Amino acid sequence: KNLKDVDGTLVSLLLEEVEQGVTEALELVASRCRAWQETRRALEGDVAKGEKRARQYQEKLDAKQKEVVNLLEALKTAEQKGSNSADTGNSKGRAPHISTNGSAGLPVVS
């Protein structure tokens, strides 16, 4: 009977240790899972901020591009008016010539 009690106590102690180990392992897994979720949320927030910033830059770029196109059109109109004035003898100088800078592709008035 004494041996059975010792065996029962040992089994009980082993089961408690296994239960404690499993509990600790589950807590560790849950903790890591929470950490990954927090990291993922933070990264998603960073991505959203980056996308917003990229949209803002694209809008600014589009506005500048439209401004350049408008300026080019105004210059071409001025060049044509100047050319027409030169044809009729009303111009005091030559009309500006619009070309593009080969390296940057930017408009240049000469």
Foldseek 3Di string as FASTA:
>chain_A
DVVVVVVVVVVVVVVVVVVVVVVVVVVVVVVVVVVVVVVVVVVVVVVVVVVVVVVVVVVVVVVVVVVLVVVVVVLVVQQVVQVVCVVVVNHPDHRWDWDADVPPRHIDTD
